[in-house]
C-alpha atoms as a PDB file:
ATOM      1  CA  MET A   1       7.476 -19.900 -18.121  1.00  0.00           C
ATOM      2  CA  LYS A   2       7.710 -20.204 -14.344  1.00  0.00           C
ATOM      3  CA  LEU A   3       5.124 -19.446 -11.663  1.00  0.00           C
ATOM      4  CA  ILE A   4       6.948 -17.987  -8.662  1.00  0.00           C
ATOM      5  CA  ALA A   5       5.054 -17.594  -5.367  1.00  0.00           C
ATOM      6  CA  VAL A   6       6.546 -15.029  -2.988  1.00  0.00           C
ATOM      7  CA  ASP A   7       5.597 -14.499   0.653  1.00  0.00           C
ATOM      8  CA  LEU A   8       5.272 -10.934   1.996  1.00  0.00           C
ATOM      9  CA  ASP A   9       6.191 -10.503   5.682  1.00  0.00           C
ATOM     10  CA  GLY A  10       9.779 -11.438   6.438  1.00  0.00           C
ATOM     11  CA  THR A  11      10.299 -12.117   2.725  1.00  0.00           C
ATOM     12  CA  LEU A  12       9.338  -9.402   0.246  1.00  0.00           C
ATOM     13  CA  ILE A  13       8.340  -6.445   2.411  1.00  0.00           C
ATOM     14  CA  LYS A  14      10.069  -4.399   5.084  1.00  0.00           C
ATOM     15  CA  LYS A  15       8.491  -3.734   8.464  1.00  0.00           C
ATOM     16  CA  ASP A  16       6.937  -0.532   7.122  1.00  0.00           C
ATOM     17  CA  ARG A  17       4.994  -2.587   4.495  1.00  0.00           C
ATOM     18  CA  SER A  18       7.155  -1.248   1.647  1.00  0.00           C
ATOM     19  CA  ILE A  19       8.917  -3.233  -1.086  1.00  0.00           C
ATOM     20  CA  SER A  20      12.479  -2.169  -1.869  1.00  0.00           C
ATOM     21  CA  SER A  21      13.357  -0.783  -5.295  1.00  0.00           C
ATOM     22  CA  GLU A  22      15.763  -3.716  -5.747  1.00  0.00           C
ATOM     23  CA  ASN A  23      12.986  -6.253  -5.229  1.00  0.00           C
ATOM     24  CA  VAL A  24      10.576  -4.323  -7.465  1.00  0.00           C
ATOM     25  CA  LYS A  25      13.179  -4.181 -10.249  1.00  0.00           C
ATOM     26  CA  ALA A  26      13.879  -7.933 -10.003  1.00  0.00           C
ATOM     27  CA  ILE A  27      10.166  -8.826 -10.069  1.00  0.00           C
ATOM     28  CA  LYS A  28       9.538  -6.646 -13.121  1.00  0.00           C
ATOM     29  CA  ALA A  29      12.558  -8.219 -14.862  1.00  0.00           C
ATOM     30  CA  ALA A  30      11.156 -11.717 -14.184  1.00  0.00           C
ATOM     31  CA  GLN A  31       7.752 -10.654 -15.516  1.00  0.00           C
ATOM     32  CA  LYS A  32       9.359  -9.150 -18.613  1.00  0.00           C
ATOM     33  CA  LYS A  33      11.017 -12.450 -19.475  1.00  0.00           C
ATOM     34  CA  GLY A  34       7.633 -14.198 -19.226  1.00  0.00           C
ATOM     35  CA  ASP A  35       7.549 -15.561 -15.684  1.00  0.00           C
ATOM     36  CA  ILE A  36       4.520 -15.084 -13.426  1.00  0.00           C
ATOM     37  CA  VAL A  37       5.383 -13.667 -10.001  1.00  0.00           C
ATOM     38  CA  ALA A  38       2.513 -14.113  -7.550  1.00  0.00           C
ATOM     39  CA  VAL A  39       2.253 -12.952  -3.966  1.00  0.00           C
ATOM     40  CA  CYS A  40       1.213 -15.575  -1.413  1.00  0.00           C
ATOM     41  CA  SER A  41       0.531 -14.117   2.026  1.00  0.00           C
ATOM     42  CA  GLY A  42      -1.429 -14.496   5.221  1.00  0.00           C
ATOM     43  CA  ARG A  43      -2.533 -10.877   4.790  1.00  0.00           C
ATOM     44  CA  SER A  44      -5.941  -9.854   3.462  1.00  0.00           C
ATOM     45  CA  LEU A  45      -6.794  -9.122  -0.162  1.00  0.00           C
ATOM     46  CA  GLN A  46      -7.283  -5.407   0.517  1.00  0.00           C
ATOM     47  CA  ASP A  47      -3.984  -5.069   2.405  1.00  0.00           C
ATOM     48  CA  THR A  48      -2.023  -7.041  -0.197  1.00  0.00           C
ATOM     49  CA  GLU A  49      -3.516  -5.026  -3.056  1.00  0.00           C
ATOM     50  CA  ASP A  50      -2.467  -1.799  -1.326  1.00  0.00           C
ATOM     51  CA  ILE A  51       1.113  -3.007  -0.727  1.00  0.00           C
ATOM     52  CA  LEU A  52       1.520  -3.954  -4.401  1.00  0.00           C
ATOM     53  CA  LYS A  53      -0.117  -0.760  -5.630  1.00  0.00           C
ATOM     54  CA  LEU A  54       2.241   1.410  -3.572  1.00  0.00           C
ATOM     55  CA  ALA A  55       5.196  -0.455  -5.101  1.00  0.00           C
ATOM     56  CA  GLY A  56       3.848  -0.147  -8.646  1.00  0.00           C
ATOM     57  CA  LEU A  57       3.509  -3.916  -9.062  1.00  0.00           C
ATOM     58  CA  ASP A  58       0.760  -5.948 -10.724  1.00  0.00           C
ATOM     59  CA  CYS A  59       0.795  -9.561  -9.516  1.00  0.00           C
ATOM     60  CA  PRO A  60      -1.698 -12.380  -8.970  1.00  0.00           C
ATOM     61  CA  MET A  61      -2.467 -12.839  -5.265  1.00  0.00           C
ATOM     62  CA  MET A  62      -3.023 -15.760  -2.923  1.00  0.00           C
ATOM     63  CA  VAL A  63      -4.148 -14.245   0.381  1.00  0.00           C
ATOM     64  CA  GLY A  64      -5.318 -15.414   3.794  1.00  0.00           C
ATOM     65  CA  ASN A  65      -2.672 -18.180   3.645  1.00  0.00           C
ATOM     66  CA  GLY A  66      -4.248 -19.470   0.453  1.00  0.00           C
ATOM     67  CA  ALA A  67      -7.929 -19.037   1.312  1.00  0.00           C
ATOM     68  CA  TRP A  68      -8.485 -16.593  -1.548  1.00  0.00           C
ATOM     69  CA  THR A  69      -6.798 -16.741  -4.973  1.00  0.00           C
ATOM     70  CA  TYR A  70      -7.187 -13.615  -7.064  1.00  0.00           C
ATOM     71  CA  GLN A  71      -6.014 -12.495 -10.517  1.00  0.00           C
ATOM     72  CA  ASP A  72      -6.822  -9.611 -12.865  1.00  0.00           C
ATOM     73  CA  GLY A  73      -9.626  -8.357 -10.637  1.00  0.00           C
ATOM     74  CA  GLU A  74     -11.327 -11.733 -10.466  1.00  0.00           C
ATOM     75  CA  SER A  75     -11.543 -14.414  -7.793  1.00  0.00           C
ATOM     76  CA  ILE A  76     -10.172 -17.748  -9.010  1.00  0.00           C
ATOM     77  CA  ASP A  77     -10.892 -19.640  -5.813  1.00  0.00           C
ATOM     78  CA  GLN A  78     -12.165 -18.855  -2.311  1.00  0.00           C
ATOM     79  CA  LEU A  79     -12.502 -21.122   0.711  1.00  0.00           C
ATOM     80  CA  VAL A  80     -14.869 -19.609   3.272  1.00  0.00           C
ATOM     81  CA  MET A  81     -15.170 -20.974   6.795  1.00  0.00           C
ATOM     82  CA  PRO A  82     -18.561 -22.641   7.402  1.00  0.00           C
ATOM     83  CA  GLU A  83     -20.855 -20.468   9.506  1.00  0.00           C
ATOM     84  CA  GLY A  84     -21.356 -23.249  12.058  1.00  0.00           C
ATOM     85  CA  ILE A  85     -17.627 -23.342  12.801  1.00  0.00           C
ATOM     86  CA  THR A  86     -17.206 -19.580  13.162  1.00  0.00           C
ATOM     87  CA  ASN A  87     -20.322 -19.444  15.355  1.00  0.00           C
ATOM     88  CA  GLU A  88     -18.650 -21.972  17.640  1.00  0.00           C
ATOM     89  CA  LEU A  89     -15.065 -20.639  17.689  1.00  0.00           C
ATOM     90  CA  LEU A  90     -15.597 -16.889  17.923  1.00  0.00           C
ATOM     91  CA  PRO A  91     -17.654 -16.944  21.166  1.00  0.00           C
ATOM     92  CA  GLU A  92     -14.992 -19.209  22.717  1.00  0.00           C
ATOM     93  CA  LEU A  93     -12.193 -16.786  21.808  1.00  0.00           C
ATOM     94  CA  GLU A  94     -14.159 -13.816  23.122  1.00  0.00           C
ATOM     95  CA  ASN A  95     -15.199 -15.510  26.371  1.00  0.00           C
ATOM     96  CA  GLU A  96     -11.603 -16.555  27.049  1.00  0.00           C
ATOM     97  CA  GLY A  97     -10.319 -13.012  26.472  1.00  0.00           C
ATOM     98  CA  TRP A  98      -8.210 -13.601  23.362  1.00  0.00           C
ATOM     99  CA  TYR A  99      -7.165 -10.896  20.923  1.00  0.00           C
ATOM    100  CA  TYR A 100      -8.560 -11.944  17.544  1.00  0.00           C
ATOM    101  CA  GLU A 101      -9.228 -10.528  14.085  1.00  0.00           C
ATOM    102  CA  ILE A 102     -11.816 -11.657  11.554  1.00  0.00           C
ATOM    103  CA  TYR A 103     -10.777 -11.790   7.886  1.00  0.00           C
ATOM    104  CA  THR A 104     -13.737 -11.310   5.560  1.00  0.00           C
ATOM    105  CA  ASN A 105     -14.465 -10.576   1.899  1.00  0.00           C
ATOM    106  CA  GLN A 106     -15.062  -6.978   3.051  1.00  0.00           C
ATOM    107  CA  GLY A 107     -11.674  -6.629   4.780  1.00  0.00           C
ATOM    108  CA  VAL A 108     -10.127  -7.379   8.173  1.00  0.00           C
ATOM    109  CA  ILE A 109     -12.245  -6.570  11.226  1.00  0.00           C
ATOM    110  CA  LEU A 110     -10.169  -5.488  14.246  1.00  0.00           C
ATOM    111  CA  LEU A 111     -11.169  -5.256  17.899  1.00  0.00           C
ATOM    112  CA  GLU A 112     -11.782  -1.676  19.013  1.00  0.00           C
ATOM    113  CA  GLY A 113     -10.217  -2.376  22.404  1.00  0.00           C
ATOM    114  CA  GLY A 114      -7.702  -4.866  21.067  1.00  0.00           C
ATOM    115  CA  LYS A 115      -4.553  -2.999  22.057  1.00  0.00           C
ATOM    116  CA  ASP A 116      -5.805  -2.606  25.620  1.00  0.00           C
ATOM    117  CA  ARG A 117      -6.560  -6.336  25.741  1.00  0.00           C
ATOM    118  CA  LEU A 118      -3.010  -7.149  24.605  1.00  0.00           C
ATOM    119  CA  ARG A 119      -1.387  -4.589  26.915  1.00  0.00           C
ATOM    120  CA  THR A 120      -3.178  -6.179  29.865  1.00  0.00           C
ATOM    121  CA  GLU A 121      -1.760  -9.554  28.793  1.00  0.00           C
ATOM    122  CA  VAL A 122       1.770  -8.120  28.482  1.00  0.00           C
ATOM    123  CA  GLN A 123       1.534  -6.530  31.942  1.00  0.00           C
ATOM    124  CA  LYS A 124       0.453  -9.854  33.446  1.00  0.00           C
ATOM    125  CA  ILE A 125       3.354 -11.685  31.753  1.00  0.00           C
ATOM    126  CA  GLN A 126       5.839  -9.093  33.024  1.00  0.00           C
ATOM    127  CA  GLU A 127       4.448  -9.305  36.564  1.00  0.00           C
ATOM    128  CA  GLU A 128       4.994 -13.067  36.431  1.00  0.00           C
ATOM    129  CA  GLY A 129       8.624 -12.600  35.355  1.00  0.00           C
ATOM    130  CA  GLY A 130       8.146 -13.153  31.628  1.00  0.00           C
ATOM    131  CA  GLU A 131      10.461 -11.542  29.089  1.00  0.00           C
ATOM    132  CA  VAL A 132       8.123  -9.521  26.889  1.00  0.00           C
ATOM    133  CA  THR A 133       9.252  -5.953  26.278  1.00  0.00           C
ATOM    134  CA  GLU A 134       6.836  -3.117  25.715  1.00  0.00           C
ATOM    135  CA  ALA A 135       8.792  -1.981  22.630  1.00  0.00           C
ATOM    136  CA  TRP A 136       8.456  -5.377  20.931  1.00  0.00           C
ATOM    137  CA  SER A 137       4.811  -5.887  21.883  1.00  0.00           C
ATOM    138  CA  GLU A 138       3.850  -2.388  20.723  1.00  0.00           C
ATOM    139  CA  GLU A 139       5.623  -3.021  17.406  1.00  0.00           C
ATOM    140  CA  GLU A 140       3.695  -6.278  16.934  1.00  0.00           C
ATOM    141  CA  MET A 141       0.398  -4.552  17.725  1.00  0.00           C
ATOM    142  CA  GLY A 142       1.275  -1.685  15.398  1.00  0.00           C
ATOM    143  CA  ILE A 143       1.699  -4.086  12.471  1.00  0.00           C
ATOM    144  CA  GLN A 144      -1.859  -5.353  12.943  1.00  0.00           C
ATOM    145  CA  TYR A 145      -3.419  -1.917  13.219  1.00  0.00           C
ATOM    146  CA  ALA A 146      -1.463  -0.610  10.201  1.00  0.00           C
ATOM    147  CA  GLN A 147      -3.232  -3.022   7.853  1.00  0.00           C
ATOM    148  CA  HIS A 148      -5.102  -1.468   4.919  1.00  0.00           C
ATOM    149  CA  GLY A 149      -8.815  -2.011   4.407  1.00  0.00           C
ATOM    150  CA  THR A 150      -9.797  -2.630   8.018  1.00  0.00           C
ATOM    151  CA  GLY A 151     -13.015  -2.166   9.964  1.00  0.00           C
ATOM    152  CA  TYR A 152     -13.692  -2.285  13.707  1.00  0.00           C
ATOM    153  CA  MET A 153     -15.888  -4.294  16.035  1.00  0.00           C
ATOM    154  CA  LYS A 154     -16.633  -4.313  19.750  1.00  0.00           C
ATOM    155  CA  ASP A 155     -16.606  -8.102  19.468  1.00  0.00           C
ATOM    156  CA  TYR A 156     -17.504 -10.862  16.998  1.00  0.00           C
ATOM    157  CA  ARG A 157     -21.243 -10.144  17.340  1.00  0.00           C
ATOM    158  CA  ASP A 158     -20.757  -7.008  15.232  1.00  0.00           C
ATOM    159  CA  VAL A 159     -19.846  -9.211  12.233  1.00  0.00           C
ATOM    160  CA  ASP A 160     -22.664 -10.993  10.410  1.00  0.00           C
ATOM    161  CA  PRO A 161     -21.280 -14.173   8.772  1.00  0.00           C
ATOM    162  CA  ALA A 162     -24.308 -14.241   6.488  1.00  0.00           C
ATOM    163  CA  THR A 163     -23.105 -11.087   4.701  1.00  0.00           C
ATOM    164  CA  ALA A 164     -19.391 -10.902   5.599  1.00  0.00           C
ATOM    165  CA  GLU A 165     -17.849 -14.147   4.362  1.00  0.00           C
ATOM    166  CA  ILE A 166     -15.226 -15.197   6.913  1.00  0.00           C
ATOM    167  CA  TYR A 167     -12.147 -16.896   5.510  1.00  0.00           C
ATOM    168  CA  LYS A 168      -9.723 -16.606   8.460  1.00  0.00           C
ATOM    169  CA  ILE A 169      -9.664 -16.032  12.199  1.00  0.00           C
ATOM    170  CA  PHE A 170      -6.355 -14.584  13.383  1.00  0.00           C
ATOM    171  CA  VAL A 171      -5.235 -14.847  17.029  1.00  0.00           C
ATOM    172  CA  LEU A 172      -2.348 -12.829  18.489  1.00  0.00           C
ATOM    173  CA  SER A 173      -0.910 -13.508  21.937  1.00  0.00           C
ATOM    174  CA  PHE A 174       2.374 -12.792  23.726  1.00  0.00           C
ATOM    175  CA  ASP A 175       1.709 -15.674  26.125  1.00  0.00           C
ATOM    176  CA  GLN A 176       3.384 -18.490  24.192  1.00  0.00           C
ATOM    177  CA  LYS A 177       2.362 -21.197  26.673  1.00  0.00           C
ATOM    178  CA  LYS A 178      -1.280 -20.172  26.470  1.00  0.00           C
ATOM    179  CA  LEU A 179      -1.145 -19.917  22.662  1.00  0.00           C
ATOM    180  CA  LYS A 180       0.433 -23.385  22.443  1.00  0.00           C
ATOM    181  CA  GLU A 181      -2.383 -24.762  24.588  1.00  0.00           C
ATOM    182  CA  LEU A 182      -4.984 -23.199  22.278  1.00  0.00           C
ATOM    183  CA  ARG A 183      -3.320 -24.738  19.246  1.00  0.00           C
ATOM    184  CA  GLU A 184      -3.156 -28.157  20.917  1.00  0.00           C
ATOM    185  CA  ARG A 185      -6.850 -27.892  21.767  1.00  0.00           C
ATOM    186  CA  LEU A 186      -7.758 -27.152  18.149  1.00  0.00           C
ATOM    187  CA  GLU A 187      -5.329 -29.544  16.441  1.00  0.00           C
ATOM    188  CA  PRO A 188      -7.510 -32.682  16.752  1.00  0.00           C
ATOM    189  CA  ARG A 189     -10.260 -30.970  14.745  1.00  0.00           C
ATOM    190  CA  THR A 190     -10.594 -32.016  11.117  1.00  0.00           C
ATOM    191  CA  ASP A 191     -12.907 -29.163  10.124  1.00  0.00           C
ATOM    192  CA  VAL A 192     -10.299 -26.364  10.326  1.00  0.00           C
ATOM    193  CA  SER A 193      -6.709 -25.782   9.231  1.00  0.00           C
ATOM    194  CA  LEU A 194      -4.130 -24.210  11.542  1.00  0.00           C
ATOM    195  CA  THR A 195      -0.938 -22.385  10.684  1.00  0.00           C
ATOM    196  CA  SER A 196       1.364 -19.684  12.012  1.00  0.00           C
ATOM    197  CA  SER A 197       3.485 -16.880  10.589  1.00  0.00           C
ATOM    198  CA  GLY A 198       5.268 -16.144  13.870  1.00  0.00           C
ATOM    199  CA  ILE A 199       5.623 -17.157  17.514  1.00  0.00           C
ATOM    200  CA  THR A 200       2.817 -14.815  18.630  1.00  0.00           C
ATOM    201  CA  LYS A 201       0.309 -15.891  15.989  1.00  0.00           C
ATOM    202  CA  LEU A 202      -2.241 -18.608  15.300  1.00  0.00           C
ATOM    203  CA  GLU A 203      -4.328 -18.581  12.130  1.00  0.00           C
ATOM    204  CA  ILE A 204      -7.514 -20.635  11.767  1.00  0.00           C
ATOM    205  CA  ALA A 205      -9.206 -21.251   8.412  1.00  0.00           C
ATOM    206  CA  HIS A 206     -11.233 -23.667   6.270  1.00  0.00           C
ATOM    207  CA  GLN A 207      -9.935 -27.225   6.547  1.00  0.00           C
ATOM    208  CA  SER A 208      -8.453 -27.216   3.010  1.00  0.00           C
ATOM    209  CA  VAL A 209      -6.640 -23.881   3.256  1.00  0.00           C
ATOM    210  CA  SER A 210      -2.876 -23.721   2.858  1.00  0.00           C
ATOM    211  CA  LYS A 211      -0.442 -21.777   0.724  1.00  0.00           C
ATOM    212  CA  GLY A 212       0.428 -25.058  -0.968  1.00  0.00           C
ATOM    213  CA  TYR A 213      -3.216 -25.593  -1.938  1.00  0.00           C
ATOM    214  CA  ALA A 214      -3.354 -22.086  -3.429  1.00  0.00           C
ATOM    215  CA  LEU A 215      -0.122 -22.531  -5.371  1.00  0.00           C
ATOM    216  CA  ARG A 216      -1.359 -25.809  -6.825  1.00  0.00           C
ATOM    217  CA  ARG A 217      -4.709 -24.187  -7.694  1.00  0.00           C
ATOM    218  CA  MET A 218      -3.068 -21.186  -9.389  1.00  0.00           C
ATOM    219  CA  ALA A 219      -0.672 -23.420 -11.342  1.00  0.00           C
ATOM    220  CA  GLU A 220      -3.658 -25.402 -12.651  1.00  0.00           C
ATOM    221  CA  GLU A 221      -5.489 -22.202 -13.604  1.00  0.00           C
ATOM    222  CA  MET A 222      -2.471 -20.845 -15.497  1.00  0.00           C
ATOM    223  CA  GLY A 223      -1.433 -24.118 -17.078  1.00  0.00           C
ATOM    224  CA  VAL A 224       1.970 -24.210 -15.416  1.00  0.00           C
ATOM    225  CA  PRO A 225       3.353 -27.670 -14.496  1.00  0.00           C
ATOM    226  CA  LEU A 226       4.256 -27.905 -10.806  1.00  0.00           C
ATOM    227  CA  GLU A 227       7.886 -28.647 -11.697  1.00  0.00           C
ATOM    228  CA  ASN A 228       7.987 -25.138 -13.200  1.00  0.00           C
ATOM    229  CA  THR A 229       6.785 -23.484  -9.994  1.00  0.00           C
ATOM    230  CA  ALA A 230       8.903 -21.942  -7.243  1.00  0.00           C
ATOM    231  CA  ALA A 231       8.213 -20.667  -3.720  1.00  0.00           C
ATOM    232  CA  ILE A 232      10.115 -18.123  -1.608  1.00  0.00           C
ATOM    233  CA  GLY A 233       9.318 -17.782   2.101  1.00  0.00           C
ATOM    234  CA  ASP A 234      10.515 -17.532   5.674  1.00  0.00           C
ATOM    235  CA  ASN A 235       7.992 -19.003   8.101  1.00  0.00           C
ATOM    236  CA  LEU A 236       5.983 -22.099   8.981  1.00  0.00           C
ATOM    237  CA  ASN A 237       2.981 -21.137   6.869  1.00  0.00           C
ATOM    238  CA  ASP A 238       5.277 -21.261   3.815  1.00  0.00           C
ATOM    239  CA  LEU A 239       6.187 -24.940   4.249  1.00  0.00           C
ATOM    240  CA  SER A 240       3.112 -26.170   2.380  1.00  0.00           C
ATOM    241  CA  MET A 241       4.266 -24.115  -0.635  1.00  0.00           C
ATOM    242  CA  PHE A 242       7.691 -25.753  -0.390  1.00  0.00           C
ATOM    243  CA  ASP A 243       6.016 -29.184  -0.471  1.00  0.00           C
ATOM    244  CA  VAL A 244       4.244 -28.337  -3.755  1.00  0.00           C
ATOM    245  CA  ALA A 245       6.761 -26.143  -5.617  1.00  0.00           C
ATOM    246  CA  GLY A 246       9.342 -27.486  -8.009  1.00  0.00           C
ATOM    247  CA  THR A 247      11.947 -25.203  -6.417  1.00  0.00           C
ATOM    248  CA  SER A 248      11.826 -23.887  -2.848  1.00  0.00           C
ATOM    249  CA  ILE A 249      13.925 -20.990  -1.580  1.00  0.00           C
ATOM    250  CA  ALA A 250      14.225 -20.073   2.097  1.00  0.00           C
ATOM    251  CA  MET A 251      15.046 -16.548   3.167  1.00  0.00           C
ATOM    252  CA  GLY A 252      18.274 -16.016   5.070  1.00  0.00           C
ATOM    253  CA  ASN A 253      16.187 -14.868   8.048  1.00  0.00           C
ATOM    254  CA  ALA A 254      13.826 -17.881   7.848  1.00  0.00           C
ATOM    255  CA  VAL A 255      13.046 -20.100  10.831  1.00  0.00           C
ATOM    256  CA  GLU A 256      15.136 -23.263  11.020  1.00  0.00           C
ATOM    257  CA  GLU A 257      12.428 -25.618   9.736  1.00  0.00           C
ATOM    258  CA  VAL A 258      12.036 -23.538   6.575  1.00  0.00           C
ATOM    259  CA  ILE A 259      15.794 -23.312   5.973  1.00  0.00           C
ATOM    260  CA  GLU A 260      16.056 -27.083   6.295  1.00  0.00           C
ATOM    261  CA  ALA A 261      13.157 -27.602   3.858  1.00  0.00           C
ATOM    262  CA  GLY A 262      14.437 -25.232   1.160  1.00  0.00           C
ATOM    263  CA  ASP A 263      16.366 -26.264  -1.941  1.00  0.00           C
ATOM    264  CA  HIS A 264      18.274 -22.982  -1.673  1.00  0.00           C
ATOM    265  CA  VAL A 265      18.816 -20.273   0.951  1.00  0.00           C
ATOM    266  CA  THR A 266      18.895 -16.686  -0.263  1.00  0.00           C
ATOM    267  CA  LYS A 267      19.823 -13.488   1.582  1.00  0.00           C
ATOM    268  CA  SER A 268      17.611 -11.987   4.306  1.00  0.00           C
ATOM    269  CA  TYR A 269      14.667  -9.702   3.571  1.00  0.00           C
ATOM    270  CA  ILE A 270      16.745  -6.736   4.753  1.00  0.00           C
ATOM    271  CA  GLU A 271      19.349  -7.647   2.091  1.00  0.00           C
ATOM    272  CA  ASN A 272      16.732  -7.930  -0.702  1.00  0.00           C
ATOM    273  CA  GLY A 273      16.763 -11.708  -0.620  1.00  0.00           C
ATOM    274  CA  VAL A 274      13.871 -12.004  -3.084  1.00  0.00           C
ATOM    275  CA  ALA A 275      15.822 -10.083  -5.732  1.00  0.00           C
ATOM    276  CA  TYR A 276      18.874 -12.266  -5.074  1.00  0.00           C
ATOM    277  CA  ALA A 277      16.788 -15.443  -5.409  1.00  0.00           C
ATOM    278  CA  LEU A 278      15.163 -14.335  -8.670  1.00  0.00           C
ATOM    279  CA  GLU A 279      18.529 -13.386 -10.159  1.00  0.00           C
ATOM    280  CA  HIS A 280      20.595 -16.377  -8.942  1.00  0.00           C
ATOM    281  CA  TYR A 281      18.269 -19.383  -8.504  1.00  0.00           C
ATOM    282  CA  LEU A 282      15.442 -18.798 -10.982  1.00  0.00           C
END
C-alpha cells in the first residue's frame, strides 16, 4: 500500500477548479488497488472538499499547506497560529495596505474591497513602467474570489481569533519587489513558517506547518512507512513533501527548483500529468 500526496493548483486541477476525467479515473484505479491518494494543498478545507465533491472523489486532505490534516470527516491534526502572532501581523498588513486573506476553521475570510486594493496596486505598477497586464491580474484575483466556503471582512478586526481559529494568513501582491521585501522582513522570525505557491503569493502559518510535516503526520496515522509514500507537485510549497516522500514527482509545468528536486518529471497539468504519474511511476 502506498500513500500518495497530490497537490491541487498547477497539479491536479485546471484553472476552473475542475479535475479532468482522466485524473479522476487514475485516482480511482489507484484507490481500487489499495493505495491511499490524499490531496495536499494550500487551499482551505471547505474549498478542497468542494473540489473533490464535484469530481466525485473521496480522499484524505492536508490543507492550508499542511496546517490541517483531515480524514473521514475527522481532524487528525491542526496547527493554529497563536493569537499573539496574528494580533501582531494582521494590523501590520492592514496598515501597510496589503491584500490579505485569513484562513480559519470556519472558512477563508476575504477583504470586501480587496479587488479595488489590488487594482490600485496594478495601476501604480503600470504607471511606473511595470509589466503587469490587467488580464493576468484579473485572472489571479478571480481565482481567490472563486474559492468555496468564503466569508467577507472590512478588515482583520471583523475576525475574532478567539472563535475563528486562524491557521494561515495569505498575502497576494503583483509588486514582486515589495513582496520580496515583506518575505525578507519575516524570514528571521522563528515563530512562523513562510511558503509560496506562486510569484504573487506569500503564505504565513504556524512555525511547524509544511506539506512535508502533514505528509509525515498522515503516514504515521495510517501506518505507512515513509519509503512507501509519494508526492506530486509543481511549486515551492511542494518541496517539503519531496524531502519526506519516498518518491517525488514534479509536474511538467513545475518551477525549476521542483523539477530539479523530483525523482521523476511527469506531463503538465493540462496534459493530465497526475494520471500519467500514477500509471507510469507508481
